[in-house]
């Protein structure tokens, strides 16, 4: 049984790393300004410290992602929310901050009928690098991706972190097959669109491959 678990974790780690490589390879070729926003990967000690701070087992796939990239930097005039759906990858410090804030709200005001946050929910993405009003979390128990908002709304997202990253990589590599938001560029920055902001839309160029 332990060997089966280790094998599944190794597969998950590799799948996430492979999907992330596809994404960063595309960024390097087409959106270098976005690539420059990516922080270096977290060390094993940093990941261990984060797991201890949360008190939650971090799934293998999420560890793999953080080893590749530990969040994004905020640069004026450049979008940190480049992930599929317009999300920004959170840093370990922001993950810890949001998790604790959500758990405090749950313990203070929540109950079984009015759910703010579950202990197994690990924040992964936010609205912007420094805006935590909305975001995506990874359920450490089920492996599924879900969404949260400032109004404590929760919505389903993706079956796994692997599915989320692979769908993004697929959209970048084959934009003609995308039925929802499409990848585009604004001054070498990846922006999903067409953007709702008229000014941004005027500068936005869809990527067609």
C-alpha atoms as a PDB file:
ATOM      1  CA  UNK A   1       0.000   0.000   0.000  1.00  0.00           C
ATOM      2  CA  UNK A   2       2.787   2.422   0.878  1.00  0.00           C
ATOM      3  CA  UNK A   3       4.503   1.641  -2.423  1.00  0.00           C
ATOM      4  CA  UNK A   4       1.249   2.403  -4.265  1.00  0.00           C
ATOM      5  CA  UNK A   5       0.954   5.748  -2.471  1.00  0.00           C
ATOM      6  CA  UNK A   6       4.560   6.667  -3.243  1.00  0.00           C
ATOM      7  CA  UNK A   7       4.062   5.713  -6.889  1.00  0.00           C
ATOM      8  CA  UNK A   8       0.906   7.846  -7.165  1.00  0.00           C
ATOM      9  CA  UNK A   9       2.693  10.782  -5.536  1.00  0.00           C
ATOM     10  CA  UNK A  10       5.643  10.445  -7.903  1.00  0.00           C
ATOM     11  CA  UNK A  11       3.301  10.443 -10.888  1.00  0.00           C
ATOM     12  CA  UNK A  12       1.491  13.527  -9.566  1.00  0.00           C
ATOM     13  CA  UNK A  13       4.785  15.352  -8.999  1.00  0.00           C
ATOM     14  CA  UNK A  14       5.966  14.570 -12.519  1.00  0.00           C
ATOM     15  CA  UNK A  15       2.669  15.549 -14.147  1.00  0.00           C
ATOM     16  CA  UNK A  16       2.622  18.933 -12.386  1.00  0.00           C
ATOM     17  CA  UNK A  17       6.294  19.574 -13.203  1.00  0.00           C
ATOM     18  CA  UNK A  18       5.732  18.640 -16.856  1.00  0.00           C
ATOM     19  CA  UNK A  19       2.685  20.919 -17.164  1.00  0.00           C
ATOM     20  CA  UNK A  20       4.554  23.790 -15.534  1.00  0.00           C
ATOM     21  CA  UNK A  21       7.475  23.306 -17.922  1.00  0.00           C
ATOM     22  CA  UNK A  22       5.080  23.562 -20.865  1.00  0.00           C
ATOM     23  CA  UNK A  23       3.686  26.814 -19.439  1.00  0.00           C
ATOM     24  CA  UNK A  24       7.057  28.420 -18.733  1.00  0.00           C
ATOM     25  CA  UNK A  25       8.407  27.325 -22.120  1.00  0.00           C
ATOM     26  CA  UNK A  26       5.506  29.173 -23.760  1.00  0.00           C
ATOM     27  CA  UNK A  27       6.105  32.226 -21.575  1.00  0.00           C
ATOM     28  CA  UNK A  28       9.779  32.254 -22.488  1.00  0.00           C
ATOM     29  CA  UNK A  29       8.909  32.294 -26.183  1.00  0.00           C
ATOM     30  CA  UNK A  30       5.897  34.605 -26.206  1.00  0.00           C
ATOM     31  CA  UNK A  31       5.490  36.478 -22.887  1.00  0.00           C
ATOM     32  CA  UNK A  32       8.951  37.150 -21.419  1.00  0.00           C
ATOM     33  CA  UNK A  33       7.631  40.014 -19.259  1.00  0.00           C
ATOM     34  CA  UNK A  34       5.351  37.554 -17.468  1.00  0.00           C
ATOM     35  CA  UNK A  35       8.172  35.042 -17.058  1.00  0.00           C
ATOM     36  CA  UNK A  36      10.204  37.706 -15.243  1.00  0.00           C
ATOM     37  CA  UNK A  37       7.462  37.979 -12.605  1.00  0.00           C
ATOM     38  CA  UNK A  38       7.916  34.383 -11.447  1.00  0.00           C
ATOM     39  CA  UNK A  39       9.693  33.894  -8.139  1.00  0.00           C
ATOM     40  CA  UNK A  40      12.311  31.161  -7.778  1.00  0.00           C
ATOM     41  CA  UNK A  41      11.142  27.816  -6.464  1.00  0.00           C
ATOM     42  CA  UNK A  42      10.829  27.169  -2.732  1.00  0.00           C
ATOM     43  CA  UNK A  43      13.426  25.043  -0.952  1.00  0.00           C
ATOM     44  CA  UNK A  44      12.519  21.824   0.828  1.00  0.00           C
ATOM     45  CA  UNK A  45      13.053  23.593   4.162  1.00  0.00           C
ATOM     46  CA  UNK A  46      10.645  26.359   3.123  1.00  0.00           C
ATOM     47  CA  UNK A  47       8.006  23.841   2.060  1.00  0.00           C
ATOM     48  CA  UNK A  48       8.422  21.926   5.329  1.00  0.00           C
ATOM     49  CA  UNK A  49       8.090  25.160   7.308  1.00  0.00           C
ATOM     50  CA  UNK A  50       4.938  26.059   5.385  1.00  0.00           C
ATOM     51  CA  UNK A  51       3.418  22.643   6.050  1.00  0.00           C
ATOM     52  CA  UNK A  52       4.163  23.036   9.755  1.00  0.00           C
ATOM     53  CA  UNK A  53       2.664  26.533   9.785  1.00  0.00           C
ATOM     54  CA  UNK A  54      -0.556  25.279   8.176  1.00  0.00           C
ATOM     55  CA  UNK A  55      -0.706  22.030  10.101  1.00  0.00           C
ATOM     56  CA  UNK A  56      -1.946  20.346   6.918  1.00  0.00           C
ATOM     57  CA  UNK A  57      -0.287  17.716   4.726  1.00  0.00           C
ATOM     58  CA  UNK A  58       0.620  19.434   1.468  1.00  0.00           C
ATOM     59  CA  UNK A  59      -0.163  17.182  -1.527  1.00  0.00           C
ATOM     60  CA  UNK A  60       2.740  16.036  -3.688  1.00  0.00           C
ATOM     61  CA  UNK A  61       1.566  17.968  -6.744  1.00  0.00           C
ATOM     62  CA  UNK A  62       1.422  21.275  -4.890  1.00  0.00           C
ATOM     63  CA  UNK A  63       4.882  20.681  -3.444  1.00  0.00           C
ATOM     64  CA  UNK A  64       6.088  20.037  -6.976  1.00  0.00           C
ATOM     65  CA  UNK A  65       4.601  23.323  -8.204  1.00  0.00           C
ATOM     66  CA  UNK A  66       6.151  25.318  -5.363  1.00  0.00           C
ATOM     67  CA  UNK A  67       9.532  23.724  -6.063  1.00  0.00           C
ATOM     68  CA  UNK A  68       9.267  25.214  -9.556  1.00  0.00           C
ATOM     69  CA  UNK A  69       7.862  28.593  -8.552  1.00  0.00           C
ATOM     70  CA  UNK A  70       7.057  30.119  -5.164  1.00  0.00           C
ATOM     71  CA  UNK A  71       4.590  32.750  -6.324  1.00  0.00           C
ATOM     72  CA  UNK A  72       4.827  35.887  -8.438  1.00  0.00           C
ATOM     73  CA  UNK A  73       6.146  39.394  -7.856  1.00  0.00           C
ATOM     74  CA  UNK A  74       3.983  42.493  -8.090  1.00  0.00           C
ATOM     75  CA  UNK A  75       5.355  44.950 -10.652  1.00  0.00           C
ATOM     76  CA  UNK A  76       3.439  48.194 -11.432  1.00  0.00           C
ATOM     77  CA  UNK A  77       1.918  48.064 -14.888  1.00  0.00           C
ATOM     78  CA  UNK A  78       2.358  44.308 -15.288  1.00  0.00           C
ATOM     79  CA  UNK A  79      -0.214  41.631 -14.576  1.00  0.00           C
ATOM     80  CA  UNK A  80       0.670  39.033 -11.983  1.00  0.00           C
ATOM     81  CA  UNK A  81      -2.634  37.227 -12.616  1.00  0.00           C
ATOM     82  CA  UNK A  82      -1.452  35.233 -15.643  1.00  0.00           C
ATOM     83  CA  UNK A  83      -2.747  31.790 -14.684  1.00  0.00           C
ATOM     84  CA  UNK A  84      -5.787  30.315 -16.414  1.00  0.00           C
ATOM     85  CA  UNK A  85      -8.874  32.216 -15.303  1.00  0.00           C
ATOM     86  CA  UNK A  86      -6.828  35.315 -14.459  1.00  0.00           C
ATOM     87  CA  UNK A  87      -5.296  34.146 -11.173  1.00  0.00           C
ATOM     88  CA  UNK A  88      -1.951  34.895  -9.519  1.00  0.00           C
ATOM     89  CA  UNK A  89       0.143  32.154  -7.938  1.00  0.00           C
ATOM     90  CA  UNK A  90       0.484  32.910  -4.220  1.00  0.00           C
ATOM     91  CA  UNK A  91       3.775  32.999  -2.300  1.00  0.00           C
ATOM     92  CA  UNK A  92       4.269  30.804   0.802  1.00  0.00           C
ATOM     93  CA  UNK A  93       3.898  33.862   3.060  1.00  0.00           C
ATOM     94  CA  UNK A  94       0.593  34.849   1.433  1.00  0.00           C
ATOM     95  CA  UNK A  95      -0.634  31.237   1.632  1.00  0.00           C
ATOM     96  CA  UNK A  96       0.015  31.201   5.368  1.00  0.00           C
ATOM     97  CA  UNK A  97      -1.612  34.605   5.872  1.00  0.00           C
ATOM     98  CA  UNK A  98      -4.802  33.778   3.970  1.00  0.00           C
ATOM     99  CA  UNK A  99      -5.123  30.318   5.513  1.00  0.00           C
ATOM    100  CA  UNK A 100      -4.881  31.683   9.053  1.00  0.00           C
ATOM    101  CA  UNK A 101      -7.299  34.506   8.325  1.00  0.00           C
ATOM    102  CA  UNK A 102      -9.856  32.092   6.877  1.00  0.00           C
ATOM    103  CA  UNK A 103      -9.494  29.652   9.772  1.00  0.00           C
ATOM    104  CA  UNK A 104      -9.963  32.469  12.289  1.00  0.00           C
ATOM    105  CA  UNK A 105     -13.188  33.459  10.505  1.00  0.00           C
ATOM    106  CA  UNK A 106     -14.388  29.856  10.540  1.00  0.00           C
ATOM    107  CA  UNK A 107     -13.641  29.369  14.235  1.00  0.00           C
ATOM    108  CA  UNK A 108     -15.153  32.722  15.200  1.00  0.00           C
ATOM    109  CA  UNK A 109     -18.239  32.963  13.007  1.00  0.00           C
ATOM    110  CA  UNK A 110     -18.690  29.738  11.073  1.00  0.00           C
ATOM    111  CA  UNK A 111     -20.424  26.464  11.794  1.00  0.00           C
ATOM    112  CA  UNK A 112     -21.468  23.312   9.935  1.00  0.00           C
ATOM    113  CA  UNK A 113     -24.225  25.195   8.143  1.00  0.00           C
ATOM    114  CA  UNK A 114     -22.302  28.399   7.434  1.00  0.00           C
ATOM    115  CA  UNK A 115     -18.908  27.299   6.162  1.00  0.00           C
ATOM    116  CA  UNK A 116     -16.078  29.800   5.823  1.00  0.00           C
ATOM    117  CA  UNK A 117     -13.129  27.457   5.455  1.00  0.00           C
ATOM    118  CA  UNK A 118     -12.121  23.842   5.965  1.00  0.00           C
ATOM    119  CA  UNK A 119      -8.777  22.901   7.545  1.00  0.00           C
ATOM    120  CA  UNK A 120      -7.873  20.869   4.429  1.00  0.00           C
ATOM    121  CA  UNK A 121      -8.262  23.832   2.060  1.00  0.00           C
ATOM    122  CA  UNK A 122      -4.873  25.265   1.053  1.00  0.00           C
ATOM    123  CA  UNK A 123      -4.931  28.646  -0.771  1.00  0.00           C
ATOM    124  CA  UNK A 124      -3.020  28.450  -4.045  1.00  0.00           C
ATOM    125  CA  UNK A 125      -4.046  31.391  -6.249  1.00  0.00           C
ATOM    126  CA  UNK A 126      -5.409  34.861  -5.546  1.00  0.00           C
ATOM    127  CA  UNK A 127      -7.044  37.670  -7.512  1.00  0.00           C
ATOM    128  CA  UNK A 128      -3.711  39.476  -7.750  1.00  0.00           C
ATOM    129  CA  UNK A 129      -0.360  38.871  -6.072  1.00  0.00           C
ATOM    130  CA  UNK A 130      -1.325  41.244  -3.254  1.00  0.00           C
ATOM    131  CA  UNK A 131      -5.140  40.995  -3.443  1.00  0.00           C
ATOM    132  CA  UNK A 132      -6.629  38.067  -1.543  1.00  0.00           C
ATOM    133  CA  UNK A 133     -10.332  38.886  -1.914  1.00  0.00           C
ATOM    134  CA  UNK A 134     -10.859  36.010  -4.346  1.00  0.00           C
ATOM    135  CA  UNK A 135      -8.870  32.931  -5.190  1.00  0.00           C
ATOM    136  CA  UNK A 136      -8.484  29.215  -5.686  1.00  0.00           C
ATOM    137  CA  UNK A 137      -7.706  26.598  -3.059  1.00  0.00           C
ATOM    138  CA  UNK A 138      -6.561  22.991  -3.219  1.00  0.00           C
ATOM    139  CA  UNK A 139      -8.443  20.519  -1.034  1.00  0.00           C
ATOM    140  CA  UNK A 140      -5.685  18.401   0.523  1.00  0.00           C
ATOM    141  CA  UNK A 141      -8.155  15.578   1.199  1.00  0.00           C
ATOM    142  CA  UNK A 142      -9.739  15.256  -2.242  1.00  0.00           C
ATOM    143  CA  UNK A 143      -7.100  16.873  -4.471  1.00  0.00           C
ATOM    144  CA  UNK A 144      -9.765  19.062  -6.089  1.00  0.00           C
ATOM    145  CA  UNK A 145      -9.451  22.760  -6.911  1.00  0.00           C
ATOM    146  CA  UNK A 146     -12.185  25.098  -5.696  1.00  0.00           C
ATOM    147  CA  UNK A 147     -12.774  28.839  -5.526  1.00  0.00           C
ATOM    148  CA  UNK A 148     -13.452  31.302  -2.721  1.00  0.00           C
ATOM    149  CA  UNK A 149     -14.584  34.917  -2.602  1.00  0.00           C
ATOM    150  CA  UNK A 150     -14.729  37.728  -0.058  1.00  0.00           C
ATOM    151  CA  UNK A 151     -18.395  36.856   0.456  1.00  0.00           C
ATOM    152  CA  UNK A 152     -17.482  33.303   1.541  1.00  0.00           C
ATOM    153  CA  UNK A 153     -18.923  31.820  -1.611  1.00  0.00           C
ATOM    154  CA  UNK A 154     -17.353  28.512  -2.629  1.00  0.00           C
ATOM    155  CA  UNK A 155     -17.516  27.034  -6.091  1.00  0.00           C
ATOM    156  CA  UNK A 156     -16.150  23.914  -7.785  1.00  0.00           C
ATOM    157  CA  UNK A 157     -13.207  24.276 -10.114  1.00  0.00           C
ATOM    158  CA  UNK A 158     -11.035  21.435 -11.389  1.00  0.00           C
ATOM    159  CA  UNK A 159     -10.636  17.785 -10.490  1.00  0.00           C
ATOM    160  CA  UNK A 160      -6.961  18.294  -9.650  1.00  0.00           C
ATOM    161  CA  UNK A 161      -4.044  20.691  -9.801  1.00  0.00           C
ATOM    162  CA  UNK A 162      -2.686  18.625 -12.682  1.00  0.00           C
ATOM    163  CA  UNK A 163      -5.918  19.108 -14.645  1.00  0.00           C
ATOM    164  CA  UNK A 164      -5.817  22.865 -14.044  1.00  0.00           C
ATOM    165  CA  UNK A 165      -2.228  23.308 -15.196  1.00  0.00           C
ATOM    166  CA  UNK A 166      -2.582  20.936 -18.143  1.00  0.00           C
ATOM    167  CA  UNK A 167      -5.694  22.780 -19.333  1.00  0.00           C
ATOM    168  CA  UNK A 168      -3.747  26.029 -19.212  1.00  0.00           C
ATOM    169  CA  UNK A 169      -0.825  24.512 -21.103  1.00  0.00           C
ATOM    170  CA  UNK A 170      -3.196  23.084 -23.712  1.00  0.00           C
ATOM    171  CA  UNK A 171      -4.844  26.490 -24.180  1.00  0.00           C
ATOM    172  CA  UNK A 172      -1.489  28.183 -24.709  1.00  0.00           C
ATOM    173  CA  UNK A 173      -0.271  25.575 -27.175  1.00  0.00           C
ATOM    174  CA  UNK A 174      -3.534  25.201 -29.115  1.00  0.00           C
ATOM    175  CA  UNK A 175      -5.508  28.469 -28.708  1.00  0.00           C
ATOM    176  CA  UNK A 176      -7.752  27.691 -31.688  1.00  0.00           C
ATOM    177  CA  UNK A 177      -9.349  24.880 -29.676  1.00  0.00           C
ATOM    178  CA  UNK A 178     -10.180  27.082 -26.681  1.00  0.00           C
ATOM    179  CA  UNK A 179     -13.900  27.768 -26.165  1.00  0.00           C
ATOM    180  CA  UNK A 180     -13.637  30.106 -23.170  1.00  0.00           C
ATOM    181  CA  UNK A 181     -11.124  32.830 -22.347  1.00  0.00           C
ATOM    182  CA  UNK A 182      -8.261  32.859 -24.812  1.00  0.00           C
ATOM    183  CA  UNK A 183      -4.596  33.689 -24.273  1.00  0.00           C
ATOM    184  CA  UNK A 184      -3.404  37.041 -25.539  1.00  0.00           C
ATOM    185  CA  UNK A 185      -0.589  39.532 -25.113  1.00  0.00           C
ATOM    186  CA  UNK A 186      -0.238  43.091 -23.842  1.00  0.00           C
ATOM    187  CA  UNK A 187       3.353  44.338 -24.080  1.00  0.00           C
ATOM    188  CA  UNK A 188       4.817  40.823 -23.750  1.00  0.00           C
ATOM    189  CA  UNK A 189       2.540  40.041 -20.795  1.00  0.00           C
ATOM    190  CA  UNK A 190       0.136  37.091 -20.908  1.00  0.00           C
ATOM    191  CA  UNK A 191      -3.444  38.318 -20.456  1.00  0.00           C
ATOM    192  CA  UNK A 192      -6.532  36.114 -20.781  1.00  0.00           C
ATOM    193  CA  UNK A 193      -9.363  37.692 -22.663  1.00  0.00           C
ATOM    194  CA  UNK A 194     -10.740  39.507 -24.364  1.00  0.00           C
ATOM    195  CA  UNK A 195     -10.279  41.748 -21.290  1.00  0.00           C
ATOM    196  CA  UNK A 196     -13.353  43.437 -19.827  1.00  0.00           C
ATOM    197  CA  UNK A 197     -11.456  46.697 -19.329  1.00  0.00           C
ATOM    198  CA  UNK A 198     -11.829  48.799 -22.530  1.00  0.00           C
ATOM    199  CA  UNK A 199      -8.365  50.318 -22.227  1.00  0.00           C
ATOM    200  CA  UNK A 200      -6.720  46.946 -21.786  1.00  0.00           C
ATOM    201  CA  UNK A 201      -8.799  45.414 -24.540  1.00  0.00           C
ATOM    202  CA  UNK A 202      -7.544  48.059 -26.970  1.00  0.00           C
ATOM    203  CA  UNK A 203      -3.955  46.925 -26.343  1.00  0.00           C
ATOM    204  CA  UNK A 204      -4.738  43.211 -26.224  1.00  0.00           C
ATOM    205  CA  UNK A 205      -3.650  40.981 -29.104  1.00  0.00           C
ATOM    206  CA  UNK A 206      -5.053  37.434 -29.137  1.00  0.00           C
ATOM    207  CA  UNK A 207      -2.450  34.705 -29.504  1.00  0.00           C
ATOM    208  CA  UNK A 208      -3.284  32.499 -32.443  1.00  0.00           C
ATOM    209  CA  UNK A 209      -0.292  30.168 -32.448  1.00  0.00           C
END
